Structure formats: structure tokens, C-alpha cells
Amino acid sequence: MKLYITRDQAKGLLGGTKFELTAKAELTGEESSLVSKYKADKEILLQKEIKIPFTSKSFILDINIGGLMTGQTFKCKDIADILEYEKNVKEACGTFKNYIEVMKNFGGQEVIEYK
């Protein structure tokens, strides 16, 4: 699996700069087959409540396997938001890799040695 992260910026309608972060996971053939076999595209890898500063509002950030496979874009107001989204995407991708490892090992046995 490879994770591609693209950062972009554009002028806002009222001036200022808007930022975008796009994340897309590229899977190997085997990884893609495992996701299909276990119908795992809707599995949520990361779910966080994001509070909007200076308001009582919030929204839920969902990153799922299908979203990472097709590419997911996050729109941000500042660079700090970009960094936070990037951290969350990388965390979700780490979880995705764990899912893949578990799916690969169904029907087998794992040996864990403790010293």
C-alpha cells in the first residue's frame, strides 16, 4: 500500500487563501482483492469529532477504507488544519494496514513469542 497526499491552495471567494488536502491509498492487487473479498470498503478507520473554534458547532470526521481507496479531499482554512488532517489520514492508513494484515491471516495461525 502506498499513501499519496496532495496539498493544494486556492483563492477564497472573499479573498484569502483556502487549503485542500487530498489523500489516496494505492493498493497492491492482493490488498485490493482482500478488501473486495471481505467487503471492507465501508469499514471506518478513524472517526473524530472536530469542534469548530469560537462556536458550539462540531462535525464528525470519518475516514473509511473506500474513501482512502478512491481518494478523499479535506478543505481547510489554515495550515494548522492541513497538518491535523494529514496526521489523521496517516493514522487511518496505519489502521488500514493492520486490517490488511488481519485479512491476510484468516485461516492461519499467528505465533507471538514473548521474552
PDB file of N, CA and C in Angstrom:
ATOM      1  N   MET A   1       0.840  -1.172   0.000  1.00  0.00           N
ATOM      2  CA  MET A   1       0.000   0.000   0.000  1.00  0.00           C
ATOM      3  C   MET A   1       0.888   1.239   0.000  1.00  0.00           C
ATOM      4  N   LYS A   2       0.459   2.202  -0.802  1.00  0.00           N
ATOM      5  CA  LYS A   2       1.128   3.493  -0.809  1.00  0.00           C
ATOM      6  C   LYS A   2       0.073   4.556  -0.530  1.00  0.00           C
ATOM      7  N   LEU A   3       0.448   5.561   0.237  1.00  0.00           N
ATOM      8  CA  LEU A   3      -0.442   6.674   0.526  1.00  0.00           C
ATOM      9  C   LEU A   3       0.075   7.902  -0.210  1.00  0.00           C
ATOM     10  N   TYR A   4      -0.770   8.486  -1.042  1.00  0.00           N
ATOM     11  CA  TYR A   4      -0.422   9.708  -1.754  1.00  0.00           C
ATOM     12  C   TYR A   4      -1.164  10.870  -1.099  1.00  0.00           C
ATOM     13  N   ILE A   5      -0.414  11.881  -0.695  1.00  0.00           N
ATOM     14  CA  ILE A   5      -1.002  13.075  -0.094  1.00  0.00           C
ATOM     15  C   ILE A   5      -0.669  14.263  -0.985  1.00  0.00           C
ATOM     16  N   THR A   6      -1.702  15.004  -1.359  1.00  0.00           N
ATOM     17  CA  THR A   6      -1.526  16.188  -2.191  1.00  0.00           C
ATOM     18  C   THR A   6      -2.057  17.390  -1.427  1.00  0.00           C
ATOM     19  N   ARG A   7      -1.226  18.407  -1.323  1.00  0.00           N
ATOM     20  CA  ARG A   7      -1.635  19.661  -0.688  1.00  0.00           C
ATOM     21  C   ARG A   7      -1.807  20.701  -1.779  1.00  0.00           C
ATOM     22  N   ASP A   8      -2.896  21.464  -1.691  1.00  0.00           N
ATOM     23  CA  ASP A   8      -3.157  22.479  -2.707  1.00  0.00           C
ATOM     24  C   ASP A   8      -3.744  23.711  -2.036  1.00  0.00           C
ATOM     25  N   GLN A   9      -3.731  24.819  -2.758  1.00  0.00           N
ATOM     26  CA  GLN A   9      -4.324  26.046  -2.235  1.00  0.00           C
ATOM     27  C   GLN A   9      -5.003  26.803  -3.371  1.00  0.00           C
ATOM     28  N   ALA A  10      -5.978  27.609  -2.995  1.00  0.00           N
ATOM     29  CA  ALA A  10      -6.713  28.406  -3.980  1.00  0.00           C
ATOM     30  C   ALA A  10      -7.177  29.684  -3.302  1.00  0.00           C
ATOM     31  N   LYS A  11      -7.496  30.666  -4.092  1.00  0.00           N
ATOM     32  CA  LYS A  11      -8.032  31.915  -3.555  1.00  0.00           C
ATOM     33  C   LYS A  11      -9.476  31.687  -3.131  1.00  0.00           C
ATOM     34  N   GLY A  12      -9.838  32.194  -1.965  1.00  0.00           N
ATOM     35  CA  GLY A  12     -11.213  32.116  -1.495  1.00  0.00           C
ATOM     36  C   GLY A  12     -12.081  33.127  -2.222  1.00  0.00           C
ATOM     37  N   LEU A  13     -13.393  32.941  -2.195  1.00  0.00           N
ATOM     38  CA  LEU A  13     -14.315  33.852  -2.871  1.00  0.00           C
ATOM     39  C   LEU A  13     -14.216  35.268  -2.320  1.00  0.00           C
ATOM     40  N   LEU A  14     -13.983  35.380  -1.021  1.00  0.00           N
ATOM     41  CA  LEU A  14     -13.901  36.698  -0.388  1.00  0.00           C
ATOM     42  C   LEU A  14     -12.465  37.107  -0.133  1.00  0.00           C
ATOM     43  N   GLY A  15     -11.563  36.586  -0.902  1.00  0.00           N
ATOM     44  CA  GLY A  15     -10.139  36.846  -0.692  1.00  0.00           C
ATOM     45  C   GLY A  15      -9.575  35.816   0.271  1.00  0.00           C
ATOM     46  N   GLY A  16      -8.332  35.940   0.575  1.00  0.00           N
ATOM     47  CA  GLY A  16      -7.704  34.959   1.449  1.00  0.00           C
ATOM     48  C   GLY A  16      -7.376  33.689   0.698  1.00  0.00           C
ATOM     49  N   THR A  17      -6.752  32.786   1.399  1.00  0.00           N
ATOM     50  CA  THR A  17      -6.329  31.530   0.784  1.00  0.00           C
ATOM     51  C   THR A  17      -7.057  30.372   1.450  1.00  0.00           C
ATOM     52  N   LYS A  18      -7.499  29.439   0.654  1.00  0.00           N
ATOM     53  CA  LYS A  18      -8.112  28.198   1.129  1.00  0.00           C
ATOM     54  C   LYS A  18      -7.149  27.060   0.823  1.00  0.00           C
ATOM     55  N   PHE A  19      -7.158  26.067   1.669  1.00  0.00           N
ATOM     56  CA  PHE A  19      -6.246  24.939   1.520  1.00  0.00           C
ATOM     57  C   PHE A  19      -7.028  23.652   1.329  1.00  0.00           C
ATOM     58  N   GLU A  20      -6.435  22.715   0.599  1.00  0.00           N
ATOM     59  CA  GLU A  20      -7.020  21.391   0.403  1.00  0.00           C
ATOM     60  C   GLU A  20      -5.947  20.329   0.612  1.00  0.00           C
ATOM     61  N   LEU A  21      -6.382  19.241   1.202  1.00  0.00           N
ATOM     62  CA  LEU A  21      -5.523  18.079   1.363  1.00  0.00           C
ATOM     63  C   LEU A  21      -6.272  16.906   0.751  1.00  0.00           C
ATOM     64  N   THR A  22      -5.649  16.232  -0.202  1.00  0.00           N
ATOM     65  CA  THR A  22      -6.250  15.050  -0.807  1.00  0.00           C
ATOM     66  C   THR A  22      -5.382  13.849  -0.461  1.00  0.00           C
ATOM     67  N   ALA A  23      -6.026  12.789   0.000  1.00  0.00           N
ATOM     68  CA  ALA A  23      -5.321  11.562   0.374  1.00  0.00           C
ATOM     69  C   ALA A  23      -5.907  10.401  -0.417  1.00  0.00           C
ATOM     70  N   LYS A  24      -5.021   9.595  -0.980  1.00  0.00           N
ATOM     71  CA  LYS A  24      -5.466   8.424  -1.737  1.00  0.00           C
ATOM     72  C   LYS A  24      -4.497   7.273  -1.492  1.00  0.00           C
ATOM     73  N   ALA A  25      -5.065   6.125  -1.181  1.00  0.00           N
ATOM     74  CA  ALA A  25      -4.258   4.922  -0.962  1.00  0.00           C
ATOM     75  C   ALA A  25      -4.247   4.106  -2.247  1.00  0.00           C
ATOM     76  N   GLU A  26      -3.066   3.699  -2.656  1.00  0.00           N
ATOM     77  CA  GLU A  26      -2.916   2.817  -3.816  1.00  0.00           C
ATOM     78  C   GLU A  26      -2.579   1.436  -3.273  1.00  0.00           C
ATOM     79  N   LEU A  27      -3.431   0.475  -3.586  1.00  0.00           N
ATOM     80  CA  LEU A  27      -3.264  -0.878  -3.062  1.00  0.00           C
ATOM     81  C   LEU A  27      -2.614  -1.793  -4.091  1.00  0.00           C
ATOM     82  N   THR A  28      -1.954  -2.820  -3.589  1.00  0.00           N
ATOM     83  CA  THR A  28      -1.465  -3.867  -4.467  1.00  0.00           C
ATOM     84  C   THR A  28      -2.673  -4.698  -4.904  1.00  0.00           C
ATOM     85  N   GLY A  29      -2.486  -5.544  -5.882  1.00  0.00           N
ATOM     86  CA  GLY A  29      -3.564  -6.424  -6.329  1.00  0.00           C
ATOM     87  C   GLY A  29      -4.086  -7.299  -5.210  1.00  0.00           C
ATOM     88  N   GLU A  30      -3.171  -7.842  -4.404  1.00  0.00           N
ATOM     89  CA  GLU A  30      -3.570  -8.711  -3.290  1.00  0.00           C
ATOM     90  C   GLU A  30      -4.379  -7.936  -2.263  1.00  0.00           C
ATOM     91  N   GLU A  31      -3.938  -6.735  -1.929  1.00  0.00           N
ATOM     92  CA  GLU A  31      -4.649  -5.920  -0.937  1.00  0.00           C
ATOM     93  C   GLU A  31      -6.047  -5.557  -1.428  1.00  0.00           C
ATOM     94  N   SER A  32      -6.132  -5.186  -2.698  1.00  0.00           N
ATOM     95  CA  SER A  32      -7.422  -4.839  -3.285  1.00  0.00           C
ATOM     96  C   SER A  32      -8.370  -6.040  -3.282  1.00  0.00           C
ATOM     97  N   SER A  33      -7.834  -7.213  -3.584  1.00  0.00           N
ATOM     98  CA  SER A  33      -8.641  -8.444  -3.571  1.00  0.00           C
ATOM     99  C   SER A  33      -9.158  -8.753  -2.179  1.00  0.00           C
ATOM    100  N   LEU A  34      -8.324  -8.525  -1.161  1.00  0.00           N
ATOM    101  CA  LEU A  34      -8.753  -8.765   0.221  1.00  0.00           C
ATOM    102  C   LEU A  34      -9.885  -7.825   0.624  1.00  0.00           C
ATOM    103  N   VAL A  35      -9.774  -6.561   0.244  1.00  0.00           N
ATOM    104  CA  VAL A  35     -10.834  -5.590   0.563  1.00  0.00           C
ATOM    105  C   VAL A  35     -12.136  -6.024  -0.103  1.00  0.00           C
ATOM    106  N   SER A  36     -12.058  -6.475  -1.353  1.00  0.00           N
ATOM    107  CA  SER A  36     -13.252  -6.946  -2.062  1.00  0.00           C
ATOM    108  C   SER A  36     -13.810  -8.206  -1.418  1.00  0.00           C
ATOM    109  N   LYS A  37     -12.933  -9.160  -1.128  1.00  0.00           N
ATOM    110  CA  LYS A  37     -13.358 -10.442  -0.549  1.00  0.00           C
ATOM    111  C   LYS A  37     -14.117 -10.249   0.756  1.00  0.00           C
ATOM    112  N   TYR A  38     -13.619  -9.360   1.616  1.00  0.00           N
ATOM    113  CA  TYR A  38     -14.237  -9.148   2.925  1.00  0.00           C
ATOM    114  C   TYR A  38     -15.208  -7.973   2.936  1.00  0.00           C
ATOM    115  N   LYS A  39     -15.467  -7.399   1.752  1.00  0.00           N
ATOM    116  CA  LYS A  39     -16.390  -6.265   1.623  1.00  0.00           C
ATOM    117  C   LYS A  39     -16.106  -5.219   2.693  1.00  0.00           C
ATOM    118  N   ALA A  40     -14.845  -4.820   2.748  1.00  0.00           N
ATOM    119  CA  ALA A  40     -14.369  -3.953   3.831  1.00  0.00           C
ATOM    120  C   ALA A  40     -14.331  -2.472   3.458  1.00  0.00           C
ATOM    121  N   ASP A  41     -14.836  -2.112   2.281  1.00  0.00           N
ATOM    122  CA  ASP A  41     -14.705  -0.715   1.841  1.00  0.00           C
ATOM    123  C   ASP A  41     -15.439   0.278   2.738  1.00  0.00           C
ATOM    124  N   LYS A  42     -16.453  -0.160   3.475  1.00  0.00           N
ATOM    125  CA  LYS A  42     -17.194   0.745   4.355  1.00  0.00           C
ATOM    126  C   LYS A  42     -16.663   0.743   5.799  1.00  0.00           C
ATOM    127  N   GLU A  43     -15.647  -0.051   6.057  1.00  0.00           N
ATOM    128  CA  GLU A  43     -15.060  -0.091   7.398  1.00  0.00           C
ATOM    129  C   GLU A  43     -14.471   1.264   7.764  1.00  0.00           C
ATOM    130  N   ILE A  44     -14.858   1.773   8.924  1.00  0.00           N
ATOM    131  CA  ILE A  44     -14.361   3.071   9.378  1.00  0.00           C
ATOM    132  C   ILE A  44     -13.007   2.877  10.045  1.00  0.00           C
ATOM    133  N   LEU A  45     -12.030   3.615   9.554  1.00  0.00           N
ATOM    134  CA  LEU A  45     -10.670   3.542  10.086  1.00  0.00           C
ATOM    135  C   LEU A  45     -10.439   4.583  11.172  1.00  0.00           C
ATOM    136  N   LEU A  46     -11.104   5.721  11.047  1.00  0.00           N
ATOM    137  CA  LEU A  46     -10.933   6.799  12.011  1.00  0.00           C
ATOM    138  C   LEU A  46     -12.203   7.629  12.033  1.00  0.00           C
ATOM    139  N   GLN A  47     -12.684   7.894  13.231  1.00  0.00           N
ATOM    140  CA  GLN A  47     -13.856   8.748  13.397  1.00  0.00           C
ATOM    141  C   GLN A  47     -13.561   9.696  14.551  1.00  0.00           C
ATOM    142  N   LYS A  48     -13.603  10.991  14.248  1.00  0.00           N
ATOM    143  CA  LYS A  48     -13.290  12.000  15.249  1.00  0.00           C
ATOM    144  C   LYS A  48     -14.299  13.121  15.188  1.00  0.00           C
ATOM    145  N   GLU A  49     -14.625  13.651  16.357  1.00  0.00           N
ATOM    146  CA  GLU A  49     -15.458  14.841  16.401  1.00  0.00           C
ATOM    147  C   GLU A  49     -14.533  16.048  16.392  1.00  0.00           C
ATOM    148  N   ILE A  50     -14.742  16.924  15.428  1.00  0.00           N
ATOM    149  CA  ILE A  50     -13.921  18.121  15.277  1.00  0.00           C
ATOM    150  C   ILE A  50     -14.761  19.318  15.717  1.00  0.00           C
ATOM    151  N   LYS A  51     -14.304  20.009  16.743  1.00  0.00           N
ATOM    152  CA  LYS A  51     -15.000  21.202  17.228  1.00  0.00           C
ATOM    153  C   LYS A  51     -14.586  22.400  16.383  1.00  0.00           C
ATOM    154  N   ILE A  52     -15.568  23.213  16.021  1.00  0.00           N
ATOM    155  CA  ILE A  52     -15.293  24.423  15.260  1.00  0.00           C
ATOM    156  C   ILE A  52     -15.019  25.535  16.275  1.00  0.00           C
ATOM    157  N   PRO A  53     -13.814  26.122  16.225  1.00  0.00           N
ATOM    158  CA  PRO A  53     -13.453  27.138  17.210  1.00  0.00           C
ATOM    159  C   PRO A  53     -14.436  28.313  17.240  1.00  0.00           C
ATOM    160  N   PHE A  54     -14.643  28.848  18.424  1.00  0.00           N
ATOM    161  CA  PHE A  54     -15.472  30.029  18.662  1.00  0.00           C
ATOM    162  C   PHE A  54     -16.951  29.802  18.376  1.00  0.00           C
ATOM    163  N   THR A  55     -17.370  28.548  18.231  1.00  0.00           N
ATOM    164  CA  THR A  55     -18.792  28.227  18.048  1.00  0.00           C
ATOM    165  C   THR A  55     -19.099  27.011  18.914  1.00  0.00           C
ATOM    166  N   SER A  56     -20.359  26.697  19.015  1.00  0.00           N
ATOM    167  CA  SER A  56     -20.734  25.479  19.741  1.00  0.00           C
ATOM    168  C   SER A  56     -20.952  24.326  18.761  1.00  0.00           C
ATOM    169  N   LYS A  57     -20.531  24.523  17.508  1.00  0.00           N
ATOM    170  CA  LYS A  57     -20.747  23.517  16.477  1.00  0.00           C
ATOM    171  C   LYS A  57     -19.550  22.589  16.349  1.00  0.00           C
ATOM    172  N   SER A  58     -19.834  21.418  15.812  1.00  0.00           N
ATOM    173  CA  SER A  58     -18.774  20.453  15.521  1.00  0.00           C
ATOM    174  C   SER A  58     -19.228  19.592  14.350  1.00  0.00           C
ATOM    175  N   PHE A  59     -18.301  18.827  13.807  1.00  0.00           N
ATOM    176  CA  PHE A  59     -18.646  17.883  12.753  1.00  0.00           C
ATOM    177  C   PHE A  59     -17.840  16.609  12.979  1.00  0.00           C
ATOM    178  N   ILE A  60     -18.303  15.537  12.373  1.00  0.00           N
ATOM    179  CA  ILE A  60     -17.654  14.236  12.525  1.00  0.00           C
ATOM    180  C   ILE A  60     -16.774  13.978  11.300  1.00  0.00           C
ATOM    181  N   LEU A  61     -15.514  13.728  11.561  1.00  0.00           N
ATOM    182  CA  LEU A  61     -14.572  13.341  10.505  1.00  0.00           C
ATOM    183  C   LEU A  61     -14.580  11.817  10.431  1.00  0.00           C
ATOM    184  N   ASP A  62     -14.974  11.295   9.283  1.00  0.00           N
ATOM    185  CA  ASP A  62     -14.971   9.853   9.030  1.00  0.00           C
ATOM    186  C   ASP A  62     -13.979   9.561   7.933  1.00  0.00           C
ATOM    187  N   ILE A  63     -13.083   8.648   8.199  1.00  0.00           N
ATOM    188  CA  ILE A  63     -12.192   8.156   7.147  1.00  0.00           C
ATOM    189  C   ILE A  63     -12.422   6.649   7.081  1.00  0.00           C
ATOM    190  N   ASN A  64     -12.896   6.187   5.914  1.00  0.00           N
ATOM    191  CA  ASN A  64     -13.120   4.755   5.758  1.00  0.00           C
ATOM    192  C   ASN A  64     -12.247   4.206   4.638  1.00  0.00           C
ATOM    193  N   ILE A  65     -12.221   2.899   4.530  1.00  0.00           N
ATOM    194  CA  ILE A  65     -11.363   2.236   3.546  1.00  0.00           C
ATOM    195  C   ILE A  65     -11.713   2.675   2.126  1.00  0.00           C
ATOM    196  N   GLY A  66     -12.994   2.680   1.788  1.00  0.00           N
ATOM    197  CA  GLY A  66     -13.408   3.080   0.448  1.00  0.00           C
ATOM    198  C   GLY A  66     -12.993   4.506   0.115  1.00  0.00           C
ATOM    199  N   GLY A  67     -13.118   5.411   1.090  1.00  0.00           N
ATOM    200  CA  GLY A  67     -12.718   6.794   0.884  1.00  0.00           C
ATOM    201  C   GLY A  67     -11.242   6.932   0.591  1.00  0.00           C
ATOM    202  N   LEU A  68     -10.430   6.173   1.300  1.00  0.00           N
ATOM    203  CA  LEU A  68      -8.991   6.215   1.044  1.00  0.00           C
ATOM    204  C   LEU A  68      -8.652   5.601  -0.315  1.00  0.00           C
ATOM    205  N   MET A  69      -9.392   4.575  -0.706  1.00  0.00           N
ATOM    206  CA  MET A  69      -9.101   3.924  -1.980  1.00  0.00           C
ATOM    207  C   MET A  69      -9.470   4.814  -3.169  1.00  0.00           C
ATOM    208  N   THR A  70     -10.564   5.555  -3.061  1.00  0.00           N
ATOM    209  CA  THR A  70     -10.987   6.409  -4.173  1.00  0.00           C
ATOM    210  C   THR A  70     -10.372   7.797  -4.095  1.00  0.00           C
ATOM    211  N   GLY A  71      -9.911   8.167  -2.916  1.00  0.00           N
ATOM    212  CA  GLY A  71      -9.342   9.491  -2.692  1.00  0.00           C
ATOM    213  C   GLY A  71     -10.317  10.347  -1.915  1.00  0.00           C
ATOM    214  N   GLN A  72      -9.837  10.994  -0.907  1.00  0.00           N
ATOM    215  CA  GLN A  72     -10.673  11.811  -0.044  1.00  0.00           C
ATOM    216  C   GLN A  72     -10.033  13.188   0.070  1.00  0.00           C
ATOM    217  N   THR A  73     -10.850  14.239  -0.094  1.00  0.00           N
ATOM    218  CA  THR A  73     -10.349  15.610  -0.043  1.00  0.00           C
ATOM    219  C   THR A  73     -10.914  16.326   1.171  1.00  0.00           C
ATOM    220  N   PHE A  74     -10.047  17.054   1.836  1.00  0.00           N
ATOM    221  CA  PHE A  74     -10.418  17.829   3.018  1.00  0.00           C
ATOM    222  C   PHE A  74     -10.127  19.291   2.729  1.00  0.00           C
ATOM    223  N   LYS A  75     -11.096  20.156   2.945  1.00  0.00           N
ATOM    224  CA  LYS A  75     -10.926  21.592   2.734  1.00  0.00           C
ATOM    225  C   LYS A  75     -10.647  22.247   4.079  1.00  0.00           C
ATOM    226  N   CYS A  76      -9.654  23.122   4.089  1.00  0.00           N
ATOM    227  CA  CYS A  76      -9.180  23.705   5.340  1.00  0.00           C
ATOM    228  C   CYS A  76      -9.028  25.214   5.207  1.00  0.00           C
ATOM    229  N   LYS A  77      -9.047  25.877   6.366  1.00  0.00           N
ATOM    230  CA  LYS A  77      -8.888  27.325   6.387  1.00  0.00           C
ATOM    231  C   LYS A  77      -7.452  27.754   6.625  1.00  0.00           C
ATOM    232  N   ASP A  78      -6.666  26.893   7.275  1.00  0.00           N
ATOM    233  CA  ASP A  78      -5.284  27.292   7.543  1.00  0.00           C
ATOM    234  C   ASP A  78      -4.358  26.079   7.551  1.00  0.00           C
ATOM    235  N   ILE A  79      -3.084  26.356   7.642  1.00  0.00           N
ATOM    236  CA  ILE A  79      -2.072  25.304   7.567  1.00  0.00           C
ATOM    237  C   ILE A  79      -2.142  24.367   8.769  1.00  0.00           C
ATOM    238  N   ALA A  80      -2.513  24.892   9.931  1.00  0.00           N
ATOM    239  CA  ALA A  80      -2.651  24.029  11.115  1.00  0.00           C
ATOM    240  C   ALA A  80      -3.698  22.941  10.864  1.00  0.00           C
ATOM    241  N   ASP A  81      -4.800  23.306  10.185  1.00  0.00           N
ATOM    242  CA  ASP A  81      -5.821  22.310   9.844  1.00  0.00           C
ATOM    243  C   ASP A  81      -5.271  21.260   8.896  1.00  0.00           C
ATOM    244  N   ILE A  82      -4.496  21.709   7.911  1.00  0.00           N
ATOM    245  CA  ILE A  82      -3.879  20.770   6.957  1.00  0.00           C
ATOM    246  C   ILE A  82      -3.029  19.751   7.712  1.00  0.00           C
ATOM    247  N   LEU A  83      -2.217  20.232   8.639  1.00  0.00           N
ATOM    248  CA  LEU A  83      -1.341  19.337   9.402  1.00  0.00           C
ATOM    249  C   LEU A  83      -2.151  18.360  10.246  1.00  0.00           C
ATOM    250  N   GLU A  84      -3.250  18.821  10.832  1.00  0.00           N
ATOM    251  CA  GLU A  84      -4.102  17.941  11.639  1.00  0.00           C
ATOM    252  C   GLU A  84      -4.759  16.871  10.773  1.00  0.00           C
ATOM    253  N   TYR A  85      -5.295  17.265   9.617  1.00  0.00           N
ATOM    254  CA  TYR A  85      -5.896  16.288   8.708  1.00  0.00           C
ATOM    255  C   TYR A  85      -4.853  15.285   8.227  1.00  0.00           C
ATOM    256  N   GLU A  86      -3.671  15.769   7.910  1.00  0.00           N
ATOM    257  CA  GLU A  86      -2.610  14.878   7.444  1.00  0.00           C
ATOM    258  C   GLU A  86      -2.264  13.853   8.520  1.00  0.00           C
ATOM    259  N   LYS A  87      -2.159  14.293   9.760  1.00  0.00           N
ATOM    260  CA  LYS A  87      -1.882  13.378  10.876  1.00  0.00           C
ATOM    261  C   LYS A  87      -2.994  12.333  10.991  1.00  0.00           C
ATOM    262  N   ASN A  88      -4.250  12.771  10.870  1.00  0.00           N
ATOM    263  CA  ASN A  88      -5.380  11.849  10.965  1.00  0.00           C
ATOM    264  C   ASN A  88      -5.384  10.838   9.822  1.00  0.00           C
ATOM    265  N   VAL A  89      -5.066  11.288   8.619  1.00  0.00           N
ATOM    266  CA  VAL A  89      -5.029  10.388   7.460  1.00  0.00           C
ATOM    267  C   VAL A  89      -3.940   9.340   7.635  1.00  0.00           C
ATOM    268  N   LYS A  90      -2.778   9.760   8.108  1.00  0.00           N
ATOM    269  CA  LYS A  90      -1.683   8.806   8.316  1.00  0.00           C
ATOM    270  C   LYS A  90      -2.044   7.787   9.390  1.00  0.00           C
ATOM    271  N   GLU A  91      -2.720   8.241  10.437  1.00  0.00           N
ATOM    272  CA  GLU A  91      -3.183   7.325  11.491  1.00  0.00           C
ATOM    273  C   GLU A  91      -4.175   6.317  10.916  1.00  0.00           C
ATOM    274  N   ALA A  92      -5.117   6.805  10.103  1.00  0.00           N
ATOM    275  CA  ALA A  92      -6.112   5.931   9.485  1.00  0.00           C
ATOM    276  C   ALA A  92      -5.447   4.915   8.553  1.00  0.00           C
ATOM    277  N   CYS A  93      -4.422   5.338   7.843  1.00  0.00           N
ATOM    278  CA  CYS A  93      -3.718   4.446   6.926  1.00  0.00           C
ATOM    279  C   CYS A  93      -2.970   3.351   7.702  1.00  0.00           C
ATOM    280  N   GLY A  94      -2.426   3.705   8.852  1.00  0.00           N
ATOM    281  CA  GLY A  94      -1.791   2.698   9.711  1.00  0.00           C
ATOM    282  C   GLY A  94      -2.802   1.648  10.163  1.00  0.00           C
ATOM    283  N   THR A  95      -3.994   2.110  10.514  1.00  0.00           N
ATOM    284  CA  THR A  95      -5.066   1.187  10.897  1.00  0.00           C
ATOM    285  C   THR A  95      -5.460   0.316   9.709  1.00  0.00           C
ATOM    286  N   PHE A  96      -5.516   0.916   8.515  1.00  0.00           N
ATOM    287  CA  PHE A  96      -5.846   0.186   7.289  1.00  0.00           C
ATOM    288  C   PHE A  96      -4.841  -0.930   7.064  1.00  0.00           C
ATOM    289  N   LYS A  97      -3.573  -0.642   7.246  1.00  0.00           N
ATOM    290  CA  LYS A  97      -2.526  -1.660   7.064  1.00  0.00           C
ATOM    291  C   LYS A  97      -2.745  -2.823   8.033  1.00  0.00           C
ATOM    292  N   ASN A  98      -3.150  -2.517   9.268  1.00  0.00           N
ATOM    293  CA  ASN A  98      -3.458  -3.579  10.241  1.00  0.00           C
ATOM    294  C   ASN A  98      -4.630  -4.432   9.767  1.00  0.00           C
ATOM    295  N   TYR A  99      -5.675  -3.791   9.230  1.00  0.00           N
ATOM    296  CA  TYR A  99      -6.817  -4.538   8.680  1.00  0.00           C
ATOM    297  C   TYR A  99      -6.339  -5.510   7.608  1.00  0.00           C
ATOM    298  N   ILE A 100      -5.487  -5.022   6.707  1.00  0.00           N
ATOM    299  CA  ILE A 100      -4.975  -5.865   5.617  1.00  0.00           C
ATOM    300  C   ILE A 100      -4.230  -7.068   6.187  1.00  0.00           C
ATOM    301  N   GLU A 101      -3.382  -6.843   7.179  1.00  0.00           N
ATOM    302  CA  GLU A 101      -2.621  -7.942   7.783  1.00  0.00           C
ATOM    303  C   GLU A 101      -3.545  -8.978   8.409  1.00  0.00           C
ATOM    304  N   VAL A 102      -4.593  -8.529   9.085  1.00  0.00           N
ATOM    305  CA  VAL A 102      -5.545  -9.455   9.696  1.00  0.00           C
ATOM    306  C   VAL A 102      -6.283 -10.236   8.615  1.00  0.00           C
ATOM    307  N   MET A 103      -6.726  -9.545   7.559  1.00  0.00           N
ATOM    308  CA  MET A 103      -7.435 -10.228   6.471  1.00  0.00           C
ATOM    309  C   MET A 103      -6.554 -11.271   5.801  1.00  0.00           C
ATOM    310  N   LYS A 104      -5.262 -10.990   5.670  1.00  0.00           N
ATOM    311  CA  LYS A 104      -4.323 -11.936   5.040  1.00  0.00           C
ATOM    312  C   LYS A 104      -4.188 -13.220   5.844  1.00  0.00           C
ATOM    313  N   ASN A 105      -4.326 -13.111   7.159  1.00  0.00           N
ATOM    314  CA  ASN A 105      -4.019 -14.243   8.028  1.00  0.00           C
ATOM    315  C   ASN A 105      -5.227 -15.034   8.499  1.00  0.00           C
ATOM    316  N   PHE A 106      -6.415 -14.778   7.949  1.00  0.00           N
ATOM    317  CA  PHE A 106      -7.557 -15.614   8.300  1.00  0.00           C
ATOM    318  C   PHE A 106      -7.306 -17.015   7.779  1.00  0.00           C
ATOM    319  N   GLY A 107      -7.633 -17.993   8.592  1.00  0.00           N
ATOM    320  CA  GLY A 107      -7.428 -19.369   8.195  1.00  0.00           C
ATOM    321  C   GLY A 107      -6.048 -19.873   8.520  1.00  0.00           C
ATOM    322  N   GLY A 108      -5.253 -19.019   9.132  1.00  0.00           N
ATOM    323  CA  GLY A 108      -3.895 -19.422   9.515  1.00  0.00           C
ATOM    324  C   GLY A 108      -3.718 -19.226  11.009  1.00  0.00           C
ATOM    325  N   GLN A 109      -2.506 -19.382  11.436  1.00  0.00           N
ATOM    326  CA  GLN A 109      -2.199 -19.258  12.858  1.00  0.00           C
ATOM    327  C   GLN A 109      -1.057 -18.247  13.012  1.00  0.00           C
ATOM    328  N   GLU A 110      -1.194 -17.407  13.990  1.00  0.00           N
ATOM    329  CA  GLU A 110      -0.147 -16.442  14.297  1.00  0.00           C
ATOM    330  C   GLU A 110       0.544 -16.878  15.593  1.00  0.00           C
ATOM    331  N   VAL A 111       1.837 -16.844  15.593  1.00  0.00           N
ATOM    332  CA  VAL A 111       2.608 -17.197  16.780  1.00  0.00           C
ATOM    333  C   VAL A 111       3.271 -15.937  17.301  1.00  0.00           C
ATOM    334  N   ILE A 112       2.986 -15.626  18.556  1.00  0.00           N
ATOM    335  CA  ILE A 112       3.585 -14.445  19.186  1.00  0.00           C
ATOM    336  C   ILE A 112       4.464 -14.934  20.325  1.00  0.00           C
ATOM    337  N   GLU A 113       5.731 -14.609  20.236  1.00  0.00           N
ATOM    338  CA  GLU A 113       6.680 -15.040  21.249  1.00  0.00           C
ATOM    339  C   GLU A 113       7.002 -13.865  22.162  1.00  0.00           C
ATOM    340  N   TYR A 114       6.861 -14.097  23.454  1.00  0.00           N
ATOM    341  CA  TYR A 114       7.191 -13.079  24.454  1.00  0.00           C
ATOM    342  C   TYR A 114       8.439 -13.518  25.190  1.00  0.00           C
ATOM    343  N   LYS A 115       9.340 -12.593  25.385  1.00  0.00           N
ATOM    344  CA  LYS A 115      10.587 -12.922  26.098  1.00  0.00           C
ATOM    345  C   LYS A 115      10.639 -12.179  27.393  1.00  0.00           C
TER     346      LYS A 115
END
